[in-house]
Protein backbone atom coordinates (compact mmCIF):
# COMPACT_ATOMS: atom_id res chain seq x y z
CA UNK A 1 170.23 233.49 125.25
CA UNK A 2 168.76 233.35 128.74
CA UNK A 3 170.26 235.43 131.56
CA UNK A 4 170.04 233.99 135.06
CA UNK A 5 171.34 235.97 138.04
CA UNK A 6 173.44 234.44 140.80
CA UNK A 7 171.53 233.44 143.96
CA UNK A 8 173.50 232.73 147.13
CA UNK A 9 172.84 229.69 149.30
CA UNK A 10 171.00 231.97 151.73
CA UNK A 11 168.65 233.04 148.93
CA UNK A 12 170.08 236.52 148.39
CA UNK A 13 170.33 238.05 144.90
CA UNK A 14 173.45 240.25 145.14
CA UNK A 15 173.48 241.32 141.49
CA UNK A 16 169.82 242.37 141.50
CA UNK A 17 170.29 244.09 144.87
CA UNK A 18 173.19 246.09 143.41
CA UNK A 19 171.14 247.03 140.34
CA UNK A 20 168.20 248.05 142.52
CA UNK A 21 170.45 250.48 144.40
CA UNK A 22 171.18 252.38 141.17
CA UNK A 23 169.23 255.32 139.78
CA UNK A 24 166.15 254.53 137.71
CA UNK A 25 167.99 255.73 134.59
CA UNK A 26 170.95 253.38 135.22
CA UNK A 27 168.60 250.49 135.97
CA UNK A 28 166.82 251.10 132.66
CA UNK A 29 170.15 251.15 130.79
CA UNK A 30 171.28 247.89 132.39
CA UNK A 31 168.00 246.07 131.82
CA UNK A 32 167.89 247.37 128.23
CA UNK A 33 171.38 246.00 127.65
CA UNK A 34 170.44 242.66 129.22
CA UNK A 35 167.39 242.45 126.96
CA UNK A 36 169.64 243.06 123.94
CA UNK A 37 171.94 240.27 125.13
CA UNK A 38 169.00 237.89 125.44
CA UNK A 39 167.89 238.77 121.90
CA UNK A 40 171.29 239.00 120.16
CA UNK A 41 173.46 236.71 122.28
CA UNK A 42 177.19 236.97 121.68
CA UNK A 43 176.59 239.37 118.78
CA UNK A 44 175.39 242.11 121.16
CA UNK A 45 177.39 245.32 120.54
CA UNK A 46 179.47 247.02 123.27
CA UNK A 47 179.41 243.91 125.47
CA UNK A 48 182.24 241.53 126.32
CA UNK A 49 181.72 237.95 127.45
CA UNK A 50 184.08 235.73 129.43
CA UNK A 51 183.32 232.07 130.06
CA UNK A 52 183.90 231.23 133.69
CA UNK A 53 182.88 227.56 133.67
CA UNK A 54 180.43 225.51 131.62
CA UNK A 55 177.35 227.65 131.02
CA UNK A 56 178.49 230.31 133.51
CA UNK A 57 179.57 233.54 131.79
CA UNK A 58 180.62 236.97 132.98
CA UNK A 59 179.17 239.91 131.08
CA UNK A 60 181.03 243.22 131.07
CA UNK A 61 181.13 246.43 129.10
CA UNK A 62 183.38 246.06 126.11
CA UNK A 63 186.51 248.26 126.15
CA UNK A 64 186.02 251.17 123.78
């Protein structure tokens, strides 16, 4: 699975900007999770997926 972040028409990357504002530890956790999603796809543990439209999906933490 390939993860592509939203880019606004003005060229901004709001998701990456939000991640970059987090602590280094939180950034590492998020990017580790995203790597797992790329490797395991929909079988990735502790992650919930919601199809928005076509190939556009929302990724969230699975309720525990």
